[in-house]
């Protein structure tokens, strides 16, 4: 019995020692060999790809240089044709297209398993995503490019877009800068300009202005037209070809309207100053000729709301129709 008890005690001590050894092994066993092997493989792969990286960097550098040269050539060619803004935009576009091609070639050099077809497919998907994300920017950029290519107006032209009018200062890839006549600057998005009507006031060297003058009904129309025409012709800045005109235009309530029309330079400053001189010259000429320029005539009818006959249709009063009069009786 004593021997069996000793055996049981030895077995229990052996089990305890084994469990303690197992716990200690589980606590201190942290094997970093797999991670070290992975990092080592990455380092080995990077070392093996050093020549590829070197060639890829050379390709990128060459693409950047070629793009810069292409940009310079495009800008110089279009500057000779007096289109520097278009040269700036197209030059930048050509440069970054060349750089993009160089980047794709460099990517295939670094990763030989990457096929050009996969790159083009990925680029197409990325282009769609970028297009949705930067829709407004790309829309304005494309509109600016179309404006520069089609050239509906140039820098220095005086245009009117929506409620803004002024001189075109610069056409950029995103917006067109317009200097208003009162010294302010409007930054107009190119998409708004391209999709809306634009009035180009300096598209031609000359433009026509007009102004209406009223004369009395008792005055001679032919005489008034001759006086107005001669007065406009004498103004400095009014062109003789086409010659100024004075045409009967309207029979208004208080006067006969005569429209004077003349041609000047298309510049806003010239047209404004000549218009002021024309108005002054016509006024003085009509005064000298004794031709009346009547004021507007208005007739106002008043009646006393406290009149005893108010609201009685049988009583005649101004502003109210007269009804049939009843014979006055004794009580009226």
C-alpha atoms as a PDB file:
ATOM      1  CA  UNK A   1       0.000   0.000   0.000  1.00  0.00           C
ATOM      2  CA  UNK A   2       2.793   2.348   0.904  1.00  0.00           C
ATOM      3  CA  UNK A   3       4.508   1.638  -2.414  1.00  0.00           C
ATOM      4  CA  UNK A   4       1.373   2.353  -4.443  1.00  0.00           C
ATOM      5  CA  UNK A   5       0.845   5.634  -2.634  1.00  0.00           C
ATOM      6  CA  UNK A   6       4.396   6.646  -3.471  1.00  0.00           C
ATOM      7  CA  UNK A   7       3.809   5.764  -7.119  1.00  0.00           C
ATOM      8  CA  UNK A   8       0.645   7.883  -7.245  1.00  0.00           C
ATOM      9  CA  UNK A   9       2.495  10.831  -5.688  1.00  0.00           C
ATOM     10  CA  UNK A  10       5.289  10.501  -8.234  1.00  0.00           C
ATOM     11  CA  UNK A  11       2.787  10.434 -11.078  1.00  0.00           C
ATOM     12  CA  UNK A  12       1.035  13.551  -9.786  1.00  0.00           C
ATOM     13  CA  UNK A  13       4.341  15.406  -9.473  1.00  0.00           C
ATOM     14  CA  UNK A  14       5.260  14.309 -13.007  1.00  0.00           C
ATOM     15  CA  UNK A  15       1.954  15.588 -14.392  1.00  0.00           C
ATOM     16  CA  UNK A  16       2.370  18.900 -12.563  1.00  0.00           C
ATOM     17  CA  UNK A  17       5.873  19.335 -13.903  1.00  0.00           C
ATOM     18  CA  UNK A  18       4.707  18.550 -17.463  1.00  0.00           C
ATOM     19  CA  UNK A  19       1.826  21.052 -17.233  1.00  0.00           C
ATOM     20  CA  UNK A  20       4.193  23.719 -15.878  1.00  0.00           C
ATOM     21  CA  UNK A  21       6.586  23.100 -18.737  1.00  0.00           C
ATOM     22  CA  UNK A  22       3.736  23.316 -21.251  1.00  0.00           C
ATOM     23  CA  UNK A  23       2.499  26.623 -19.788  1.00  0.00           C
ATOM     24  CA  UNK A  24       6.001  28.075 -19.832  1.00  0.00           C
ATOM     25  CA  UNK A  25       6.469  26.978 -23.452  1.00  0.00           C
ATOM     26  CA  UNK A  26       3.164  28.573 -24.482  1.00  0.00           C
ATOM     27  CA  UNK A  27       4.072  31.807 -22.712  1.00  0.00           C
ATOM     28  CA  UNK A  28       7.507  32.354 -24.194  1.00  0.00           C
ATOM     29  CA  UNK A  29       7.161  30.858 -27.655  1.00  0.00           C
ATOM     30  CA  UNK A  30       6.965  33.992 -29.969  1.00  0.00           C
ATOM     31  CA  UNK A  31       8.281  32.920 -33.343  1.00  0.00           C
ATOM     32  CA  UNK A  32       9.262  35.988 -35.450  1.00  0.00           C
ATOM     33  CA  UNK A  33      10.950  33.944 -38.080  1.00  0.00           C
ATOM     34  CA  UNK A  34       8.019  34.167 -40.507  1.00  0.00           C
ATOM     35  CA  UNK A  35       7.876  37.961 -40.286  1.00  0.00           C
ATOM     36  CA  UNK A  36      11.640  38.225 -40.597  1.00  0.00           C
ATOM     37  CA  UNK A  37      11.562  35.942 -43.627  1.00  0.00           C
ATOM     38  CA  UNK A  38       8.848  38.092 -45.245  1.00  0.00           C
ATOM     39  CA  UNK A  39      10.781  41.314 -44.665  1.00  0.00           C
ATOM     40  CA  UNK A  40      13.904  39.640 -45.908  1.00  0.00           C
ATOM     41  CA  UNK A  41      12.132  38.551 -49.073  1.00  0.00           C
ATOM     42  CA  UNK A  42      10.902  42.122 -49.601  1.00  0.00           C
ATOM     43  CA  UNK A  43      14.406  43.472 -49.196  1.00  0.00           C
ATOM     44  CA  UNK A  44      15.764  40.849 -51.584  1.00  0.00           C
ATOM     45  CA  UNK A  45      13.058  41.708 -54.115  1.00  0.00           C
ATOM     46  CA  UNK A  46      13.782  45.430 -53.776  1.00  0.00           C
ATOM     47  CA  UNK A  47      17.492  44.810 -54.271  1.00  0.00           C
ATOM     48  CA  UNK A  48      16.787  42.721 -57.336  1.00  0.00           C
ATOM     49  CA  UNK A  49      14.500  45.486 -58.691  1.00  0.00           C
ATOM     50  CA  UNK A  50      17.060  48.269 -58.208  1.00  0.00           C
ATOM     51  CA  UNK A  51      18.080  48.119 -61.903  1.00  0.00           C
ATOM     52  CA  UNK A  52      14.393  48.231 -62.882  1.00  0.00           C
ATOM     53  CA  UNK A  53      13.803  51.245 -60.644  1.00  0.00           C
ATOM     54  CA  UNK A  54      16.841  52.948 -62.139  1.00  0.00           C
ATOM     55  CA  UNK A  55      15.641  52.394 -65.686  1.00  0.00           C
ATOM     56  CA  UNK A  56      12.101  53.497 -64.725  1.00  0.00           C
ATOM     57  CA  UNK A  57      13.408  56.753 -63.228  1.00  0.00           C
ATOM     58  CA  UNK A  58      15.434  57.367 -66.382  1.00  0.00           C
ATOM     59  CA  UNK A  59      12.313  56.784 -68.490  1.00  0.00           C
ATOM     60  CA  UNK A  60      10.304  59.203 -66.331  1.00  0.00           C
ATOM     61  CA  UNK A  61      13.050  61.815 -66.583  1.00  0.00           C
ATOM     62  CA  UNK A  62      13.233  61.427 -70.350  1.00  0.00           C
ATOM     63  CA  UNK A  63       9.425  61.665 -70.628  1.00  0.00           C
ATOM     64  CA  UNK A  64       9.403  64.830 -68.517  1.00  0.00           C
ATOM     65  CA  UNK A  65      12.133  66.388 -70.666  1.00  0.00           C
ATOM     66  CA  UNK A  66      10.364  65.424 -73.897  1.00  0.00           C
ATOM     67  CA  UNK A  67       7.072  66.804 -72.538  1.00  0.00           C
ATOM     68  CA  UNK A  68       8.724  70.097 -71.616  1.00  0.00           C
ATOM     69  CA  UNK A  69      10.279  70.377 -75.065  1.00  0.00           C
ATOM     70  CA  UNK A  70       6.924  69.595 -76.727  1.00  0.00           C
ATOM     71  CA  UNK A  71       5.224  72.217 -74.561  1.00  0.00           C
ATOM     72  CA  UNK A  72       7.830  74.824 -75.525  1.00  0.00           C
ATOM     73  CA  UNK A  73       7.443  74.059 -79.227  1.00  0.00           C
ATOM     74  CA  UNK A  74       3.638  74.233 -79.091  1.00  0.00           C
ATOM     75  CA  UNK A  75       3.693  77.514 -77.151  1.00  0.00           C
ATOM     76  CA  UNK A  76       6.221  79.103 -79.516  1.00  0.00           C
ATOM     77  CA  UNK A  77       4.282  77.993 -82.604  1.00  0.00           C
ATOM     78  CA  UNK A  78       1.004  79.415 -81.342  1.00  0.00           C
ATOM     79  CA  UNK A  79       2.637  82.601 -80.064  1.00  0.00           C
ATOM     80  CA  UNK A  80       3.786  83.251 -83.592  1.00  0.00           C
ATOM     81  CA  UNK A  81       0.154  83.006 -84.627  1.00  0.00           C
ATOM     82  CA  UNK A  82      -0.856  85.486 -81.892  1.00  0.00           C
ATOM     83  CA  UNK A  83      -2.631  82.849 -79.810  1.00  0.00           C
ATOM     84  CA  UNK A  84      -0.523  82.637 -76.621  1.00  0.00           C
ATOM     85  CA  UNK A  85      -3.381  81.490 -74.373  1.00  0.00           C
ATOM     86  CA  UNK A  86      -4.139  78.521 -76.605  1.00  0.00           C
ATOM     87  CA  UNK A  87      -0.424  77.707 -76.674  1.00  0.00           C
ATOM     88  CA  UNK A  88      -0.322  77.698 -72.878  1.00  0.00           C
ATOM     89  CA  UNK A  89      -3.264  75.299 -72.561  1.00  0.00           C
ATOM     90  CA  UNK A  90      -2.340  72.951 -75.407  1.00  0.00           C
ATOM     91  CA  UNK A  91       1.321  72.977 -74.381  1.00  0.00           C
ATOM     92  CA  UNK A  92       0.428  71.865 -70.856  1.00  0.00           C
ATOM     93  CA  UNK A  93      -1.904  69.186 -72.238  1.00  0.00           C
ATOM     94  CA  UNK A  94       0.783  67.760 -74.547  1.00  0.00           C
ATOM     95  CA  UNK A  95       3.390  67.822 -71.791  1.00  0.00           C
ATOM     96  CA  UNK A  96       1.317  65.874 -69.263  1.00  0.00           C
ATOM     97  CA  UNK A  97       0.175  63.381 -71.894  1.00  0.00           C
ATOM     98  CA  UNK A  98       3.830  62.597 -72.642  1.00  0.00           C
ATOM     99  CA  UNK A  99       4.584  62.328 -68.904  1.00  0.00           C
ATOM    100  CA  UNK A 100       1.620  59.964 -68.458  1.00  0.00           C
ATOM    101  CA  UNK A 101       2.895  57.699 -71.233  1.00  0.00           C
ATOM    102  CA  UNK A 102       6.338  57.710 -69.590  1.00  0.00           C
ATOM    103  CA  UNK A 103       4.789  56.797 -66.241  1.00  0.00           C
ATOM    104  CA  UNK A 104       2.972  53.829 -67.786  1.00  0.00           C
ATOM    105  CA  UNK A 105       6.195  52.615 -69.384  1.00  0.00           C
ATOM    106  CA  UNK A 106       8.052  53.017 -66.095  1.00  0.00           C
ATOM    107  CA  UNK A 107       5.355  51.012 -64.286  1.00  0.00           C
ATOM    108  CA  UNK A 108       5.718  48.121 -66.743  1.00  0.00           C
ATOM    109  CA  UNK A 109       9.509  48.227 -66.290  1.00  0.00           C
ATOM    110  CA  UNK A 110       9.299  48.060 -62.494  1.00  0.00           C
ATOM    111  CA  UNK A 111       6.649  45.334 -62.580  1.00  0.00           C
ATOM    112  CA  UNK A 112       7.251  43.184 -65.668  1.00  0.00           C
ATOM    113  CA  UNK A 113       4.176  41.096 -64.893  1.00  0.00           C
ATOM    114  CA  UNK A 114       1.990  44.189 -65.394  1.00  0.00           C
ATOM    115  CA  UNK A 115       0.591  44.248 -68.920  1.00  0.00           C
ATOM    116  CA  UNK A 116      -0.040  47.487 -70.861  1.00  0.00           C
ATOM    117  CA  UNK A 117      -3.610  46.372 -71.501  1.00  0.00           C
ATOM    118  CA  UNK A 118      -4.280  46.125 -67.781  1.00  0.00           C
ATOM    119  CA  UNK A 119      -2.844  49.607 -67.301  1.00  0.00           C
ATOM    120  CA  UNK A 120      -5.052  51.063 -70.024  1.00  0.00           C
ATOM    121  CA  UNK A 121      -8.140  49.336 -68.581  1.00  0.00           C
ATOM    122  CA  UNK A 122      -7.335  50.604 -65.094  1.00  0.00           C
ATOM    123  CA  UNK A 123      -6.710  54.063 -66.492  1.00  0.00           C
ATOM    124  CA  UNK A 124     -10.123  54.019 -68.166  1.00  0.00           C
ATOM    125  CA  UNK A 125     -11.908  53.111 -64.927  1.00  0.00           C
ATOM    126  CA  UNK A 126      -9.910  55.728 -63.046  1.00  0.00           C
ATOM    127  CA  UNK A 127     -10.782  58.331 -65.666  1.00  0.00           C
ATOM    128  CA  UNK A 128     -14.488  57.698 -65.176  1.00  0.00           C
ATOM    129  CA  UNK A 129     -14.154  58.025 -61.396  1.00  0.00           C
ATOM    130  CA  UNK A 130     -12.058  61.179 -61.698  1.00  0.00           C
ATOM    131  CA  UNK A 131     -14.528  62.576 -64.220  1.00  0.00           C
ATOM    132  CA  UNK A 132     -17.434  62.215 -61.790  1.00  0.00           C
ATOM    133  CA  UNK A 133     -15.404  63.600 -58.892  1.00  0.00           C
ATOM    134  CA  UNK A 134     -14.125  66.660 -60.778  1.00  0.00           C
ATOM    135  CA  UNK A 135     -17.024  67.189 -63.160  1.00  0.00           C
ATOM    136  CA  UNK A 136     -17.210  70.979 -62.847  1.00  0.00           C
ATOM    137  CA  UNK A 137     -13.452  71.457 -63.113  1.00  0.00           C
ATOM    138  CA  UNK A 138     -13.172  69.252 -66.197  1.00  0.00           C
ATOM    139  CA  UNK A 139     -16.246  70.884 -67.743  1.00  0.00           C
ATOM    140  CA  UNK A 140     -14.750  74.352 -67.314  1.00  0.00           C
ATOM    141  CA  UNK A 141     -11.380  73.153 -68.601  1.00  0.00           C
ATOM    142  CA  UNK A 142     -12.915  71.630 -71.726  1.00  0.00           C
ATOM    143  CA  UNK A 143     -15.058  74.727 -72.306  1.00  0.00           C
ATOM    144  CA  UNK A 144     -11.966  76.917 -71.973  1.00  0.00           C
ATOM    145  CA  UNK A 145     -10.103  74.754 -74.485  1.00  0.00           C
ATOM    146  CA  UNK A 146     -13.003  74.978 -76.966  1.00  0.00           C
ATOM    147  CA  UNK A 147     -13.183  78.757 -76.519  1.00  0.00           C
ATOM    148  CA  UNK A 148      -9.470  79.050 -77.218  1.00  0.00           C
ATOM    149  CA  UNK A 149      -9.662  76.759 -80.254  1.00  0.00           C
ATOM    150  CA  UNK A 150     -12.804  78.263 -81.832  1.00  0.00           C
ATOM    151  CA  UNK A 151     -11.883  81.789 -80.699  1.00  0.00           C
ATOM    152  CA  UNK A 152     -15.328  83.508 -80.636  1.00  0.00           C
ATOM    153  CA  UNK A 153     -13.591  86.438 -78.949  1.00  0.00           C
ATOM    154  CA  UNK A 154     -10.016  87.411 -78.123  1.00  0.00           C
ATOM    155  CA  UNK A 155      -8.169  89.076 -75.290  1.00  0.00           C
ATOM    156  CA  UNK A 156      -8.951  92.785 -75.421  1.00  0.00           C
ATOM    157  CA  UNK A 157     -12.425  92.317 -76.899  1.00  0.00           C
ATOM    158  CA  UNK A 158     -15.353  93.960 -75.142  1.00  0.00           C
ATOM    159  CA  UNK A 159     -18.101  91.434 -74.460  1.00  0.00           C
ATOM    160  CA  UNK A 160     -21.353  91.132 -72.542  1.00  0.00           C
ATOM    161  CA  UNK A 161     -22.257  87.862 -70.798  1.00  0.00           C
ATOM    162  CA  UNK A 162     -25.427  87.683 -68.698  1.00  0.00           C
ATOM    163  CA  UNK A 163     -25.349  90.798 -66.480  1.00  0.00           C
ATOM    164  CA  UNK A 164     -21.619  91.446 -66.895  1.00  0.00           C
ATOM    165  CA  UNK A 165     -19.981  93.616 -69.511  1.00  0.00           C
ATOM    166  CA  UNK A 166     -16.360  94.582 -69.934  1.00  0.00           C
ATOM    167  CA  UNK A 167     -13.007  93.866 -71.581  1.00  0.00           C
ATOM    168  CA  UNK A 168     -11.569  90.346 -71.741  1.00  0.00           C
ATOM    169  CA  UNK A 169      -8.394  90.376 -69.650  1.00  0.00           C
ATOM    170  CA  UNK A 170      -7.353  86.719 -69.798  1.00  0.00           C
ATOM    171  CA  UNK A 171      -8.729  83.317 -70.787  1.00  0.00           C
ATOM    172  CA  UNK A 172      -7.611  80.617 -68.358  1.00  0.00           C
ATOM    173  CA  UNK A 173      -8.296  76.898 -68.225  1.00  0.00           C
ATOM    174  CA  UNK A 174     -11.013  77.302 -65.585  1.00  0.00           C
ATOM    175  CA  UNK A 175     -12.419  80.793 -66.078  1.00  0.00           C
ATOM    176  CA  UNK A 176     -12.311  83.937 -68.192  1.00  0.00           C
ATOM    177  CA  UNK A 177     -11.303  87.193 -66.496  1.00  0.00           C
ATOM    178  CA  UNK A 178     -13.347  90.249 -67.530  1.00  0.00           C
ATOM    179  CA  UNK A 179     -12.506  93.816 -66.494  1.00  0.00           C
ATOM    180  CA  UNK A 180     -15.701  95.852 -66.216  1.00  0.00           C
ATOM    181  CA  UNK A 181     -15.877  99.473 -67.330  1.00  0.00           C
ATOM    182  CA  UNK A 182     -16.018 100.699 -63.730  1.00  0.00           C
ATOM    183  CA  UNK A 183     -12.708  99.079 -62.776  1.00  0.00           C
ATOM    184  CA  UNK A 184     -13.884  95.753 -61.338  1.00  0.00           C
ATOM    185  CA  UNK A 185     -12.919  92.222 -62.370  1.00  0.00           C
ATOM    186  CA  UNK A 186     -15.340  89.377 -63.036  1.00  0.00           C
ATOM    187  CA  UNK A 187     -14.163  85.749 -62.915  1.00  0.00           C
ATOM    188  CA  UNK A 188     -16.621  84.010 -65.234  1.00  0.00           C
ATOM    189  CA  UNK A 189     -16.552  80.167 -65.428  1.00  0.00           C
ATOM    190  CA  UNK A 190     -15.819  79.011 -68.953  1.00  0.00           C
ATOM    191  CA  UNK A 191     -18.791  76.651 -68.983  1.00  0.00           C
ATOM    192  CA  UNK A 192     -21.157  79.595 -68.380  1.00  0.00           C
ATOM    193  CA  UNK A 193     -19.606  81.520 -71.253  1.00  0.00           C
ATOM    194  CA  UNK A 194     -19.687  78.548 -73.616  1.00  0.00           C
ATOM    195  CA  UNK A 195     -23.316  77.624 -72.898  1.00  0.00           C
ATOM    196  CA  UNK A 196     -24.770  81.169 -72.879  1.00  0.00           C
ATOM    197  CA  UNK A 197     -25.137  83.889 -75.478  1.00  0.00           C
ATOM    198  CA  UNK A 198     -22.163  86.249 -75.641  1.00  0.00           C
ATOM    199  CA  UNK A 199     -22.416  89.727 -77.169  1.00  0.00           C
ATOM    200  CA  UNK A 200     -19.024  90.647 -78.654  1.00  0.00           C
ATOM    201  CA  UNK A 201     -19.178  94.422 -79.054  1.00  0.00           C
ATOM    202  CA  UNK A 202     -15.754  94.770 -80.664  1.00  0.00           C
ATOM    203  CA  UNK A 203     -16.133  91.934 -83.157  1.00  0.00           C
ATOM    204  CA  UNK A 204     -16.068  94.600 -85.915  1.00  0.00           C
ATOM    205  CA  UNK A 205     -14.255  97.904 -86.130  1.00  0.00           C
ATOM    206  CA  UNK A 206     -17.463  99.983 -86.071  1.00  0.00           C
ATOM    207  CA  UNK A 207     -20.934  99.778 -84.593  1.00  0.00           C
ATOM    208  CA  UNK A 208     -24.184 101.719 -84.796  1.00  0.00           C
ATOM    209  CA  UNK A 209     -25.807 103.762 -82.057  1.00  0.00           C
ATOM    210  CA  UNK A 210     -29.247 105.398 -82.001  1.00  0.00           C
ATOM    211  CA  UNK A 211     -31.280 107.857 -79.978  1.00  0.00           C
ATOM    212  CA  UNK A 212     -34.915 108.986 -80.171  1.00  0.00           C
ATOM    213  CA  UNK A 213     -35.916 112.656 -80.139  1.00  0.00           C
ATOM    214  CA  UNK A 214     -39.474 113.934 -79.720  1.00  0.00           C
ATOM    215  CA  UNK A 215     -40.826 116.970 -81.586  1.00  0.00           C
ATOM    216  CA  UNK A 216     -44.197 118.663 -81.386  1.00  0.00           C
ATOM    217  CA  UNK A 217     -47.100 117.601 -83.581  1.00  0.00           C
ATOM    218  CA  UNK A 218     -47.261 121.116 -85.052  1.00  0.00           C
ATOM    219  CA  UNK A 219     -43.599 121.034 -86.202  1.00  0.00           C
ATOM    220  CA  UNK A 220     -42.503 120.059 -89.713  1.00  0.00           C
ATOM    221  CA  UNK A 221     -41.160 116.488 -89.691  1.00  0.00           C
ATOM    222  CA  UNK A 222     -38.940 116.888 -92.789  1.00  0.00           C
ATOM    223  CA  UNK A 223     -37.336 120.015 -91.392  1.00  0.00           C
ATOM    224  CA  UNK A 224     -36.734 118.370 -88.029  1.00  0.00           C
ATOM    225  CA  UNK A 225     -35.134 115.303 -89.692  1.00  0.00           C
ATOM    226  CA  UNK A 226     -32.795 117.537 -91.726  1.00  0.00           C
ATOM    227  CA  UNK A 227     -31.781 119.532 -88.635  1.00  0.00           C
ATOM    228  CA  UNK A 228     -31.109 116.386 -86.606  1.00  0.00           C
ATOM    229  CA  UNK A 229     -29.145 114.742 -89.433  1.00  0.00           C
ATOM    230  CA  UNK A 230     -26.923 117.772 -89.904  1.00  0.00           C
ATOM    231  CA  UNK A 231     -26.381 118.119 -86.157  1.00  0.00           C
ATOM    232  CA  UNK A 232     -25.252 114.486 -85.882  1.00  0.00           C
ATOM    233  CA  UNK A 233     -22.952 114.776 -88.902  1.00  0.00           C
ATOM    234  CA  UNK A 234     -21.097 117.715 -87.335  1.00  0.00           C
ATOM    235  CA  UNK A 235     -20.108 115.690 -84.244  1.00  0.00           C
ATOM    236  CA  UNK A 236     -16.476 114.566 -84.186  1.00  0.00           C
ATOM    237  CA  UNK A 237     -16.183 110.788 -84.156  1.00  0.00           C
ATOM    238  CA  UNK A 238     -19.341 110.120 -86.188  1.00  0.00           C
ATOM    239  CA  UNK A 239     -18.518 108.223 -89.372  1.00  0.00           C
ATOM    240  CA  UNK A 240     -19.572 109.630 -92.740  1.00  0.00           C
ATOM    241  CA  UNK A 241     -19.806 106.182 -94.310  1.00  0.00           C
ATOM    242  CA  UNK A 242     -22.373 104.917 -93.499  1.00  0.00           C
ATOM    243  CA  UNK A 243     -23.900 108.383 -93.205  1.00  0.00           C
ATOM    244  CA  UNK A 244     -26.041 109.399 -90.193  1.00  0.00           C
ATOM    245  CA  UNK A 245     -29.809 108.994 -90.501  1.00  0.00           C
ATOM    246  CA  UNK A 246     -32.878 110.661 -88.982  1.00  0.00           C
ATOM    247  CA  UNK A 247     -36.100 108.679 -89.453  1.00  0.00           C
ATOM    248  CA  UNK A 248     -39.681 109.327 -88.227  1.00  0.00           C
ATOM    249  CA  UNK A 249     -40.209 106.473 -85.806  1.00  0.00           C
ATOM    250  CA  UNK A 250     -43.334 106.778 -83.683  1.00  0.00           C
ATOM    251  CA  UNK A 251     -46.455 108.840 -83.079  1.00  0.00           C
ATOM    252  CA  UNK A 252     -46.484 109.053 -79.329  1.00  0.00           C
ATOM    253  CA  UNK A 253     -49.121 110.564 -77.053  1.00  0.00           C
ATOM    254  CA  UNK A 254     -47.451 113.966 -76.766  1.00  0.00           C
ATOM    255  CA  UNK A 255     -44.832 114.096 -79.539  1.00  0.00           C
ATOM    256  CA  UNK A 256     -43.588 112.669 -82.827  1.00  0.00           C
ATOM    257  CA  UNK A 257     -40.535 110.463 -82.290  1.00  0.00           C
ATOM    258  CA  UNK A 258     -37.582 110.762 -84.664  1.00  0.00           C
ATOM    259  CA  UNK A 259     -34.797 108.214 -84.361  1.00  0.00           C
ATOM    260  CA  UNK A 260     -31.246 109.377 -85.068  1.00  0.00           C
ATOM    261  CA  UNK A 261     -28.777 106.637 -86.081  1.00  0.00           C
ATOM    262  CA  UNK A 262     -25.031 106.944 -86.574  1.00  0.00           C
ATOM    263  CA  UNK A 263     -21.880 104.814 -86.717  1.00  0.00           C
ATOM    264  CA  UNK A 264     -18.785 105.119 -84.538  1.00  0.00           C
ATOM    265  CA  UNK A 265     -15.792 103.078 -83.470  1.00  0.00           C
ATOM    266  CA  UNK A 266     -16.793  99.903 -81.652  1.00  0.00           C
ATOM    267  CA  UNK A 267     -14.824 100.797 -78.523  1.00  0.00           C
ATOM    268  CA  UNK A 268     -17.132 101.487 -75.590  1.00  0.00           C
ATOM    269  CA  UNK A 269     -15.343 104.684 -74.552  1.00  0.00           C
ATOM    270  CA  UNK A 270     -15.585 106.168 -78.038  1.00  0.00           C
ATOM    271  CA  UNK A 271     -19.236 105.201 -78.462  1.00  0.00           C
ATOM    272  CA  UNK A 272     -20.199 106.658 -75.068  1.00  0.00           C
ATOM    273  CA  UNK A 273     -18.482 110.014 -75.576  1.00  0.00           C
ATOM    274  CA  UNK A 274     -19.799 110.416 -79.122  1.00  0.00           C
ATOM    275  CA  UNK A 275     -23.336 109.671 -77.917  1.00  0.00           C
ATOM    276  CA  UNK A 276     -23.099 112.431 -75.328  1.00  0.00           C
ATOM    277  CA  UNK A 277     -21.880 114.900 -77.973  1.00  0.00           C
ATOM    278  CA  UNK A 278     -24.672 113.890 -80.358  1.00  0.00           C
ATOM    279  CA  UNK A 279     -27.377 114.537 -77.756  1.00  0.00           C
ATOM    280  CA  UNK A 280     -25.960 117.967 -76.969  1.00  0.00           C
ATOM    281  CA  UNK A 281     -25.580 118.887 -80.652  1.00  0.00           C
ATOM    282  CA  UNK A 282     -29.144 117.820 -81.503  1.00  0.00           C
ATOM    283  CA  UNK A 283     -30.618 119.772 -78.570  1.00  0.00           C
ATOM    284  CA  UNK A 284     -28.802 122.950 -79.542  1.00  0.00           C
ATOM    285  CA  UNK A 285     -29.689 122.568 -83.234  1.00  0.00           C
ATOM    286  CA  UNK A 286     -33.401 122.072 -82.535  1.00  0.00           C
ATOM    287  CA  UNK A 287     -33.424 125.099 -80.221  1.00  0.00           C
ATOM    288  CA  UNK A 288     -31.777 127.243 -82.905  1.00  0.00           C
ATOM    289  CA  UNK A 289     -34.306 126.054 -85.505  1.00  0.00           C
ATOM    290  CA  UNK A 290     -37.243 126.842 -83.211  1.00  0.00           C
ATOM    291  CA  UNK A 291     -38.472 123.245 -83.189  1.00  0.00           C
ATOM    292  CA  UNK A 292     -40.363 122.318 -80.060  1.00  0.00           C
ATOM    293  CA  UNK A 293     -39.409 119.350 -77.887  1.00  0.00           C
ATOM    294  CA  UNK A 294     -42.559 118.995 -75.781  1.00  0.00           C
ATOM    295  CA  UNK A 295     -42.785 117.632 -72.277  1.00  0.00           C
ATOM    296  CA  UNK A 296     -44.868 114.593 -71.574  1.00  0.00           C
ATOM    297  CA  UNK A 297     -48.519 115.585 -71.151  1.00  0.00           C
ATOM    298  CA  UNK A 298     -50.669 113.846 -68.568  1.00  0.00           C
ATOM    299  CA  UNK A 299     -54.311 114.450 -67.638  1.00  0.00           C
ATOM    300  CA  UNK A 300     -55.444 113.801 -64.072  1.00  0.00           C
ATOM    301  CA  UNK A 301     -59.131 113.692 -63.152  1.00  0.00           C
ATOM    302  CA  UNK A 302     -60.101 114.393 -59.551  1.00  0.00           C
ATOM    303  CA  UNK A 303     -63.405 114.291 -57.800  1.00  0.00           C
ATOM    304  CA  UNK A 304     -64.443 114.908 -54.219  1.00  0.00           C
ATOM    305  CA  UNK A 305     -65.221 111.640 -52.473  1.00  0.00           C
ATOM    306  CA  UNK A 306     -67.340 113.572 -49.976  1.00  0.00           C
ATOM    307  CA  UNK A 307     -69.633 114.920 -52.688  1.00  0.00           C
ATOM    308  CA  UNK A 308     -73.278 114.329 -51.897  1.00  0.00           C
ATOM    309  CA  UNK A 309     -73.781 112.828 -55.341  1.00  0.00           C
ATOM    310  CA  UNK A 310     -71.075 110.199 -54.777  1.00  0.00           C
ATOM    311  CA  UNK A 311     -72.113 106.701 -55.845  1.00  0.00           C
ATOM    312  CA  UNK A 312     -75.240 108.055 -57.526  1.00  0.00           C
ATOM    313  CA  UNK A 313     -75.165 106.974 -61.129  1.00  0.00           C
ATOM    314  CA  UNK A 314     -77.839 109.432 -62.145  1.00  0.00           C
ATOM    315  CA  UNK A 315     -75.638 112.384 -61.176  1.00  0.00           C
ATOM    316  CA  UNK A 316     -73.100 113.634 -63.740  1.00  0.00           C
ATOM    317  CA  UNK A 317     -69.603 113.970 -62.322  1.00  0.00           C
ATOM    318  CA  UNK A 318     -66.062 113.597 -63.610  1.00  0.00           C
ATOM    319  CA  UNK A 319     -64.750 110.075 -63.510  1.00  0.00           C
ATOM    320  CA  UNK A 320     -68.167 108.415 -63.330  1.00  0.00           C
ATOM    321  CA  UNK A 321     -70.559 107.672 -66.191  1.00  0.00           C
ATOM    322  CA  UNK A 322     -73.816 109.534 -66.291  1.00  0.00           C
ATOM    323  CA  UNK A 323     -76.991 107.485 -66.022  1.00  0.00           C
ATOM    324  CA  UNK A 324     -80.541 108.438 -66.872  1.00  0.00           C
ATOM    325  CA  UNK A 325     -81.632 111.380 -64.827  1.00  0.00           C
ATOM    326  CA  UNK A 326     -84.813 111.007 -62.843  1.00  0.00           C
ATOM    327  CA  UNK A 327     -87.191 113.925 -62.701  1.00  0.00           C
ATOM    328  CA  UNK A 328     -86.718 115.826 -59.530  1.00  0.00           C
ATOM    329  CA  UNK A 329     -89.639 115.505 -57.165  1.00  0.00           C
ATOM    330  CA  UNK A 330     -90.661 117.576 -54.221  1.00  0.00           C
ATOM    331  CA  UNK A 331     -88.474 115.569 -51.867  1.00  0.00           C
ATOM    332  CA  UNK A 332     -85.300 115.875 -54.005  1.00  0.00           C
END
